[in-house]
Protein backbone atom coordinates (compact mmCIF):
# COMPACT_ATOMS: atom_id res chain seq x y z
CA MET A 1 -1.19 -0.44 0.18
CA ARG A 2 2.56 -0.66 -0.25
CA GLY A 3 4.29 2.33 -1.76
CA SER A 4 6.01 0.16 -4.36
CA LEU A 5 2.61 -1.00 -5.64
CA HIS A 6 1.81 1.66 -8.23
CA PHE A 7 -1.80 2.81 -8.23
CA HIS A 8 -3.03 4.94 -11.15
CA LEU A 9 -6.05 7.02 -10.12
CA THR A 10 -8.81 7.47 -12.70
CA HIS A 11 -11.83 8.59 -10.64
CA GLN A 12 -12.68 9.69 -7.10
CA GLU A 13 -15.96 10.43 -5.38
CA SER A 14 -17.21 11.63 -2.00
CA ALA A 15 -20.80 11.19 -0.78
CA LEU A 16 -22.97 10.93 2.33
CA ASP A 17 -21.38 14.03 3.89
CA GLY A 18 -17.90 12.56 3.58
CA ARG A 19 -18.82 9.21 5.13
CA PHE A 20 -18.47 7.44 1.76
CA LEU A 21 -15.22 7.83 -0.21
CA ARG A 22 -14.55 5.97 -3.45
CA VAL A 23 -11.42 5.89 -5.62
CA THR A 24 -11.13 3.95 -8.87
CA GLY A 25 -7.98 3.18 -10.80
CA THR A 26 -5.63 0.46 -12.00
CA ILE A 27 -2.78 -1.53 -10.46
CA GLY A 28 -0.58 -3.17 -13.07
CA GLY A 29 -3.34 -2.80 -15.65
CA LYS A 30 -5.98 -4.39 -13.36
CA PRO A 31 -9.05 -2.24 -12.64
CA VAL A 32 -9.61 -1.82 -8.91
CA THR A 33 -12.02 0.15 -6.72
CA PHE A 34 -11.40 1.15 -3.10
CA VAL A 35 -14.24 2.37 -0.87
CA SER A 36 -13.88 3.82 2.62
CA VAL A 37 -16.93 3.98 4.88
CA TYR A 38 -17.32 5.73 8.24
CA ALA A 39 -20.74 4.99 9.69
CA PRO A 40 -22.40 7.20 12.32
CA SER A 41 -22.80 5.88 15.84
CA PRO A 42 -25.20 4.21 15.85
CA PRO A 43 -25.95 3.79 12.12
CA GLU A 44 -29.65 4.15 11.39
CA GLY A 45 -32.00 3.21 8.58
CA PRO A 46 -31.42 6.21 6.25
CA PHE A 47 -27.67 5.67 6.32
CA TRP A 48 -27.97 1.94 5.50
CA ARG A 49 -30.32 2.65 2.59
CA ALA A 50 -28.04 5.33 1.15
CA LEU A 51 -25.01 3.05 1.58
CA GLU A 52 -26.79 0.18 -0.14
CA GLU A 53 -27.60 2.40 -3.12
CA ARG A 54 -23.96 3.49 -3.39
CA LEU A 55 -22.60 -0.03 -3.14
CA ALA A 56 -25.01 -1.21 -5.85
CA GLN A 57 -23.26 1.16 -8.28
CA LEU A 58 -19.86 -0.52 -7.82
CA PRO A 59 -18.45 -2.94 -10.42
CA ASN A 60 -18.56 -6.69 -9.86
CA LYS A 61 -14.79 -7.22 -9.80
CA GLY A 62 -11.79 -5.70 -8.09
CA VAL A 63 -13.75 -4.05 -5.27
CA PHE A 64 -12.51 -3.49 -1.70
CA VAL A 65 -14.80 -1.87 0.88
CA GLY A 66 -13.33 -1.05 4.26
CA GLY A 67 -13.87 1.22 7.21
CA ASP A 68 -15.50 1.73 10.59
CA PHE A 69 -19.12 0.58 10.32
CA ASN A 70 -19.97 0.99 14.03
CA ALA A 71 -21.84 -2.31 13.85
CA VAL A 72 -21.05 -6.01 14.12
CA MET A 73 -21.89 -8.72 11.61
CA ASP A 74 -22.46 -11.39 14.28
CA PRO A 75 -23.52 -10.32 17.80
CA TYR A 76 -22.15 -13.56 19.29
CA LEU A 77 -18.75 -13.83 17.59
CA ASP A 78 -17.94 -10.15 17.00
CA ARG A 79 -18.67 -8.82 20.48
CA SER A 80 -17.32 -9.78 23.90
CA GLY A 81 -19.60 -10.41 26.85
CA THR A 82 -22.77 -12.45 27.11
CA VAL A 83 -25.49 -9.81 27.58
CA ILE A 84 -26.99 -9.03 24.16
CA SER A 85 -30.10 -6.93 23.66
CA ARG A 86 -32.53 -7.06 20.77
CA ALA A 87 -31.13 -3.87 19.19
CA PRO A 88 -27.75 -5.38 18.13
CA PHE A 89 -29.61 -8.29 16.50
CA SER A 90 -31.66 -5.95 14.32
CA LEU A 91 -28.63 -3.78 13.52
CA SER A 92 -26.51 -6.81 12.60
CA LYS A 93 -29.25 -8.17 10.37
CA THR A 94 -29.46 -4.87 8.47
CA PHE A 95 -25.67 -4.73 8.20
CA ARG A 96 -25.46 -8.25 6.78
CA GLY A 97 -28.23 -7.49 4.29
CA VAL A 98 -26.41 -4.45 2.91
CA ILE A 99 -23.14 -6.37 2.48
CA GLN A 100 -24.85 -9.39 0.91
CA SER A 101 -26.71 -7.20 -1.58
CA ALA A 102 -23.34 -5.80 -2.68
CA ASN A 103 -21.97 -9.37 -3.24
CA SER A 104 -19.10 -8.68 -0.85
CA TYR A 105 -17.41 -10.98 1.66
CA ASP A 106 -15.89 -10.34 5.09
CA SER A 107 -12.18 -10.99 4.49
CA TRP A 108 -11.34 -11.63 8.15
CA ARG A 109 -14.24 -14.05 8.67
CA VAL A 110 -13.30 -15.95 5.49
CA ILE A 111 -9.87 -16.73 6.97
CA HIS A 112 -11.12 -17.11 10.58
CA PRO A 113 -14.58 -18.72 10.38
CA ARG A 114 -15.12 -19.32 14.13
CA ASP A 115 -12.39 -17.21 15.77
CA ARG A 116 -12.93 -14.24 18.03
CA ASP A 117 -10.96 -11.01 17.76
CA TYR A 118 -11.90 -7.38 18.13
CA SER A 119 -10.86 -3.99 16.77
CA PHE A 120 -12.41 -1.61 19.32
CA TYR A 121 -12.68 -1.37 23.10
CA SER A 122 -15.51 0.58 24.73
CA ASN A 123 -14.43 2.03 28.06
CA PRO A 124 -17.99 2.93 29.23
CA HIS A 125 -19.30 -0.57 28.53
CA GLY A 126 -16.08 -2.48 29.20
CA THR A 127 -16.57 -4.63 26.08
CA TYR A 128 -14.71 -5.35 22.86
CA SER A 129 -16.30 -5.28 19.39
CA ARG A 130 -15.22 -5.93 15.82
CA LEU A 131 -16.41 -2.74 14.14
CA ASP A 132 -13.72 -2.40 11.44
CA TYR A 133 -13.98 -4.52 8.30
CA VAL A 134 -12.45 -5.04 4.88
CA PHE A 135 -14.92 -6.55 2.42
CA CYS A 136 -13.81 -8.04 -0.92
CA SER A 137 -15.63 -8.88 -4.11
CA ARG A 138 -15.96 -12.55 -5.07
CA ASP A 139 -13.05 -12.52 -7.56
CA ASN A 140 -10.57 -11.58 -4.80
CA ILE A 141 -11.57 -14.31 -2.34
CA THR A 142 -9.43 -16.97 -4.04
CA ALA A 143 -6.41 -14.61 -3.95
CA LEU A 144 -6.88 -13.83 -0.24
CA THR A 145 -4.01 -15.33 1.77
CA SER A 146 -4.33 -13.65 5.18
CA SER A 147 -6.39 -11.16 7.14
CA THR A 148 -5.08 -9.68 10.38
CA ILE A 149 -6.50 -7.42 13.08
CA HIS A 150 -3.57 -5.49 14.47
CA LYS A 151 -3.08 -4.07 17.95
CA ILE A 152 -4.82 -0.91 19.14
CA SER A 153 -2.01 1.64 19.44
CA TRP A 154 -2.30 4.98 17.62
CA SER A 155 -6.09 5.16 17.53
CA ASP A 156 -8.87 3.70 19.62
CA HIS A 157 -9.49 1.30 16.72
CA ALA A 158 -7.23 -1.48 15.43
CA ALA A 159 -6.09 -1.61 11.82
CA VAL A 160 -7.26 -4.49 9.63
CA GLU A 161 -4.79 -5.77 7.03
CA ILE A 162 -5.32 -8.25 4.18
CA ALA A 163 -2.80 -9.89 1.86
CA LEU A 164 -3.57 -10.99 -1.70
CA LEU A 165 -1.73 -13.06 -4.28
CA GLY A 166 -1.24 -11.71 -7.79
CA TRP A 167 -0.62 -8.07 -6.81
CA GLU A 168 3.13 -8.04 -7.26
CA ALA A 169 5.10 -5.04 -6.04
CA LEU A 170 8.41 -3.90 -7.47
CA GLY A 171 11.14 -3.47 -4.89
CA SER A 172 13.28 -0.35 -4.74
CA ALA A 173 16.98 -0.14 -4.06
CA SER A 174 17.96 1.50 -0.79
CA VAL A 175 20.63 4.21 -0.63
CA TRP A 176 22.69 4.80 2.52
CA ARG A 177 22.34 8.27 4.00
CA PHE A 178 24.48 9.76 6.73
CA ASN A 179 22.55 10.16 9.96
CA ALA A 180 23.67 13.54 11.29
CA SER A 181 21.77 12.99 14.54
CA LEU A 182 24.52 10.57 15.60
CA PHE A 183 26.74 13.53 16.40
CA LEU A 184 24.25 14.66 19.05
CA ASP A 185 25.66 11.87 21.23
CA PRO A 186 28.72 13.24 23.11
CA GLY A 187 30.06 9.75 23.75
CA LEU A 188 30.00 8.96 20.05
CA LYS A 189 31.99 12.10 19.22
CA VAL A 190 34.68 11.20 21.75
CA ALA A 191 34.90 7.60 20.45
CA MET A 192 35.13 8.69 16.80
CA THR A 193 37.82 11.27 17.65
CA GLN A 194 39.90 8.59 19.35
CA ASP A 195 39.44 6.19 16.42
CA LEU A 196 40.58 8.86 13.94
CA THR A 197 43.61 9.67 16.07
CA ASP A 198 44.66 6.00 16.18
CA LEU A 199 44.07 5.63 12.43
CA PHE A 200 46.29 8.58 11.50
CA GLU A 201 49.03 7.65 13.98
CA GLN A 202 49.25 4.10 12.65
CA ASN A 203 49.07 4.93 8.92
CA PHE A 204 50.95 8.23 8.53
CA THR A 205 54.33 6.67 7.72
CA PRO A 206 57.08 7.93 5.39
CA ASP A 207 56.30 5.30 2.75
CA MET A 208 52.50 5.94 2.76
CA ALA A 209 51.03 8.64 0.49
CA THR A 210 48.89 11.27 2.18
CA THR A 211 46.11 10.89 -0.41
CA THR A 212 45.91 7.16 0.30
CA VAL A 213 45.52 7.73 4.02
CA TRP A 214 42.88 10.40 3.37
CA GLU A 215 40.79 8.11 1.17
CA ALA A 216 41.23 5.24 3.63
CA HIS A 217 40.04 7.38 6.53
CA LYS A 218 36.80 8.23 4.69
CA ALA A 219 36.02 4.55 4.08
CA PHE A 220 36.93 3.77 7.70
CA MET A 221 34.63 6.48 9.08
CA CYS A 222 31.79 5.46 6.78
CA GLY A 223 32.05 1.84 7.93
CA LYS A 224 32.12 2.82 11.61
CA LEU A 225 29.07 5.08 11.26
CA ILE A 226 27.14 2.43 9.34
CA ALA A 227 27.92 -0.15 12.04
CA ILE A 228 26.82 2.19 14.85
CA ALA A 229 23.65 3.26 13.04
CA SER A 230 22.76 -0.35 12.21
CA HIS A 231 23.27 -1.40 15.82
CA ARG A 232 21.00 1.37 17.09
CA LYS A 233 18.41 0.56 14.41
CA ARG A 234 18.36 -3.09 15.53
CA GLU A 235 17.93 -1.98 19.13
CA ARG A 236 14.97 0.25 18.20
CA ALA A 237 13.42 -2.52 16.10
CA ALA A 238 13.82 -4.98 18.97
CA GLU A 239 12.19 -2.49 21.35
CA VAL A 240 9.27 -2.00 18.96
CA VAL A 241 8.82 -5.75 18.61
CA SER A 242 8.99 -6.21 22.37
CA LEU A 243 6.39 -3.50 23.05
CA THR A 244 4.17 -4.71 20.21
CA THR A 245 4.26 -8.25 21.57
CA ARG A 246 3.48 -7.02 25.09
CA VAL A 247 0.55 -4.91 23.84
CA ARG A 248 -0.79 -7.85 21.85
CA ASP A 249 -0.49 -10.24 24.80
CA LEU A 250 -2.14 -7.78 27.19
CA GLU A 251 -4.95 -7.13 24.69
CA ARG A 252 -5.56 -10.86 24.31
CA ALA A 253 -5.63 -11.35 28.08
CA HIS A 254 -7.88 -8.35 28.68
CA LYS A 255 -10.29 -9.42 25.93
CA GLY A 256 -10.73 -12.73 27.72
CA THR A 257 -10.94 -11.54 31.32
CA GLY A 258 -11.73 -7.80 31.37
CA ASP A 259 -9.48 -7.34 34.43
CA ALA A 260 -8.97 -3.66 35.43
CA THR A 261 -5.31 -4.24 36.38
CA LEU A 262 -4.58 -5.63 32.93
CA LEU A 263 -6.25 -2.58 31.38
CA LEU A 264 -3.89 -0.23 33.26
CA GLU A 265 -0.86 -2.24 32.14
CA LEU A 266 -2.21 -2.22 28.60
CA LEU A 267 -2.63 1.56 28.56
CA GLU A 268 0.91 2.01 29.87
CA ALA A 269 2.35 -0.29 27.20
CA ARG A 270 0.40 1.54 24.49
CA GLY A 271 1.76 4.87 25.72
CA ASN A 272 5.35 3.63 25.55
CA LEU A 273 4.79 2.24 22.07
CA ASN A 274 3.23 5.51 20.90
CA MET A 275 6.22 7.49 22.19
CA LEU A 276 8.63 5.22 20.33
CA LEU A 277 6.66 5.36 17.07
CA SER A 278 6.30 9.14 17.40
CA ARG A 279 10.09 9.49 17.51
CA GLN A 280 10.33 7.48 14.29
CA VAL A 281 7.75 9.73 12.63
CA GLN A 282 9.65 12.79 13.81
CA ALA A 283 12.87 11.43 12.29
CA ALA A 284 11.11 10.76 8.98
CA LEU A 285 9.76 14.32 8.92
CA GLN A 286 13.25 15.67 9.57
CA TRP A 287 14.63 13.64 6.66
CA MET A 288 11.91 14.98 4.38
CA SER A 289 12.58 18.58 5.43
CA GLN A 290 16.29 18.10 4.84
CA LYS A 291 15.70 16.66 1.38
CA PHE A 292 13.51 19.54 0.23
CA PHE A 293 15.93 22.08 1.74
CA GLU A 294 18.91 20.55 -0.06
CA LYS A 295 17.02 20.29 -3.37
CA SER A 296 15.44 23.76 -3.20
CA ASN A 297 17.72 25.28 -5.86
CA LYS A 298 18.49 22.07 -7.81
CA PRO A 299 15.28 20.03 -8.12
CA ASP A 300 16.71 17.63 -10.71
CA THR A 301 16.21 14.53 -8.54
CA LEU A 302 12.68 15.49 -7.50
CA LEU A 303 11.76 16.29 -11.11
CA ALA A 304 13.25 12.99 -12.33
CA ARG A 305 11.14 11.05 -9.83
CA ARG A 306 8.03 12.92 -10.90
CA LEU A 307 8.73 12.25 -14.58
CA LYS A 308 9.37 8.59 -13.83
CA GLN A 309 5.98 8.36 -12.15
CA GLN A 310 4.28 10.02 -15.13
CA THR A 311 6.04 7.60 -17.49
CA ARG A 312 4.64 4.63 -15.57
CA GLU A 313 1.17 6.14 -15.62
CA ARG A 314 1.21 6.74 -19.39
CA THR A 315 2.73 3.41 -20.38
CA VAL A 316 0.35 1.25 -22.43
CA CYS A 317 0.58 -2.20 -20.85
CA ALA A 318 -2.30 -3.91 -22.69
CA VAL A 319 -4.71 -3.47 -25.62
CA ARG A 320 -8.26 -4.68 -26.13
CA LEU A 321 -8.86 -7.03 -29.07
CA ARG A 322 -11.91 -6.91 -31.29
CA SER A 323 -13.22 -9.86 -29.31
CA TRP A 324 -13.01 -7.64 -26.17
CA GLU A 325 -10.17 -9.74 -24.82
CA ILE A 326 -7.42 -7.89 -22.94
CA CYS A 327 -4.06 -8.61 -24.60
CA PRO A 328 -0.91 -7.66 -22.60
CA LEU A 329 1.78 -5.97 -24.69
CA THR A 330 4.49 -8.61 -24.37
CA PRO A 331 6.75 -10.02 -27.13
CA ALA A 332 5.24 -13.48 -26.72
CA LYS A 333 1.79 -12.10 -27.44
CA PHE A 334 2.92 -10.31 -30.60
CA LEU A 335 4.46 -13.48 -32.06
CA ARG A 336 1.16 -15.34 -31.84
CA PRO A 337 -0.71 -15.21 -35.18
CA SER A 338 -4.09 -14.92 -33.45
CA ALA A 339 -3.10 -11.94 -31.33
CA LEU A 340 -3.33 -8.26 -32.23
CA THR A 341 0.08 -7.30 -33.68
CA MET A 342 1.85 -4.01 -33.30
CA ARG A 343 1.45 -2.88 -36.93
CA PRO A 344 -2.38 -2.76 -37.00
CA TYR A 345 -2.40 -1.37 -33.48
CA ILE A 346 -0.14 1.53 -34.54
CA THR A 347 -2.32 2.00 -37.64
CA VAL A 348 -5.37 2.52 -35.44
CA LEU A 349 -3.48 5.02 -33.33
CA LEU A 350 -2.32 6.96 -36.39
CA ARG A 351 -5.86 7.27 -37.68
CA ARG A 352 -6.77 9.09 -34.48
CA LEU A 353 -3.84 11.52 -34.73
CA ALA A 354 -3.99 14.88 -36.44
CA PRO A 355 -2.84 14.96 -40.11
CA LEU A 356 0.41 16.75 -39.21
CA GLU A 357 1.31 14.26 -36.50
CA ARG A 358 0.33 11.38 -38.79
CA GLY A 359 2.80 12.59 -41.40
CA LEU A 360 5.60 12.98 -38.89
CA PHE A 361 5.27 9.63 -37.17
CA GLY A 362 3.38 7.45 -39.60
CA SER A 363 6.27 6.49 -41.86
CA PHE A 364 8.47 5.61 -38.90
CA PHE A 365 5.99 3.27 -37.20
CA LEU A 366 4.66 1.61 -40.35
CA GLU A 367 8.17 0.78 -41.61
CA LEU A 368 9.10 -1.10 -38.45
CA PRO A 369 10.11 -4.73 -39.24
CA CYS A 370 7.67 -7.39 -38.04
CA PRO A 371 7.99 -11.18 -37.66
CA PRO A 372 6.52 -13.25 -40.53
CA SER A 373 3.53 -14.34 -38.46
CA ALA A 374 2.89 -10.76 -37.40
CA THR A 375 3.12 -9.55 -41.02
CA ARG A 376 0.55 -12.11 -42.18
CA SER A 377 -1.74 -11.18 -39.29
CA ALA A 378 -1.40 -7.48 -40.11
CA ARG A 379 -2.13 -8.11 -43.84
CA THR A 380 -5.23 -10.13 -42.92
CA TRP A 381 -6.36 -7.41 -40.55
CA ARG A 382 -6.02 -4.68 -43.21
CA GLN A 383 -7.91 -6.73 -45.78
CA SER A 384 -10.78 -7.39 -43.39
CA SER A 385 -10.88 -3.70 -42.50
CA ARG A 386 -11.21 -2.72 -46.17
CA ARG A 387 -14.04 -5.23 -46.69
CA ARG A 388 -15.94 -3.82 -43.72
CA ARG A 389 -15.58 -0.28 -45.07
C-alpha cells in the first residue's frame, strides 16, 4: 500500500498462532479488510478447517486476503515440471474449496487466465511453484487493473502486487535536502573548491557588492550539488533497472529450462541487486537518524505531522441517512433537497453532547446560514422528528 494512501485502523486480530493476521479500517471512507496468511509446510486438514472458519467471518465487500499458502491452486499451471503425484491434487482441491467458500478470487489468475509464472523456487526439488497469492472479494474484481509477480530478490519468495481503480492517493510535495555524503568523495571536494575559486575571481570586482557575490555563490553551489546528486541518482536508478531486468530475464529462462548454469548466474545477479538495495536502505536509515537527531530539542515539525495525521483520522467525510444510504459531506450533496443537510445533522450531534457543551456550541452551529432548499429540508426533518416523538 502506498504511503500517501491513508489507512485508518479500526480493528486488528491475530489467530492460529500468528499465522492469521487481520486488520480492518477505512481508506477514504471506504471500509476495507486486509488478511495475511502464512500456512505451515505442508498445510494439513486442521489448518484448512480453522482458516475456513476465520474467512467465513469476514465481510462480503472490501476484503483482500494475501500471503504464503504453501500450496498451489492448479497443479498443472502453478507448478513447473511434469511429474505430479496424487498429494498435490488433493491439497489443491482443499485449497480451492476454502477460497471458494470465502467468495474470493485469485487476482493474478483473473488477469492471466492461462499464463504460467511462479513466486518460489525449491532448490531440493529444482522446481518453481506459485505459492503466494492475493485474493479479492467480488466487488474489487471490476476495479482490478493489473496483478504482477515480481522478481525473487530479498526473500526466497517473490512479491505479488495488484493495482485497483478508485483508490486515489494524494501526492506529497518533495523538499530538496543536502546530501552530506557527497563530501565523502575527494574528487568532488577538489572540483567544488576549484569552481568556488573561479566564481570569486570572476565576480569580485570593484563595482560588485560583496553581499551580492555571497548570495550568488550560495545559489551557484546549490545548483551544482543538485546537478551532481541528480546525476548519481540517475546512475543508481539505471543500475537498479539493469540488474532487475537481468534477474527477471534469468528467472524466466531458468523457469523454462532449469539449467544449472543459469541458476548460478541468477544467484550472482540477485546478490548484486541485494547489495545495491541494501545501500539504499542504509542511506534511508541515516536520513531518519539525522532527522530525529536534529529535531530532538525542537519537535515542532514531527508534532505537526502527527497532528495532521490525527486531523485526517477524525475528519467526518460522510454521514449515514435514515435510509441507510452513505452520503458524502460535499457542498453538492447539501444543496440537494433530498439529502441530509448540515442543520439537522448538527442537531443530532448536539443532542449527544453534554448539557454544558451543548450550551457552548449549540447557538453557534444552529445559527449558521443555510441555502433555501437546505432550510426547507431541515424544517421538514424537525417536524417529522416531533411527530415520531
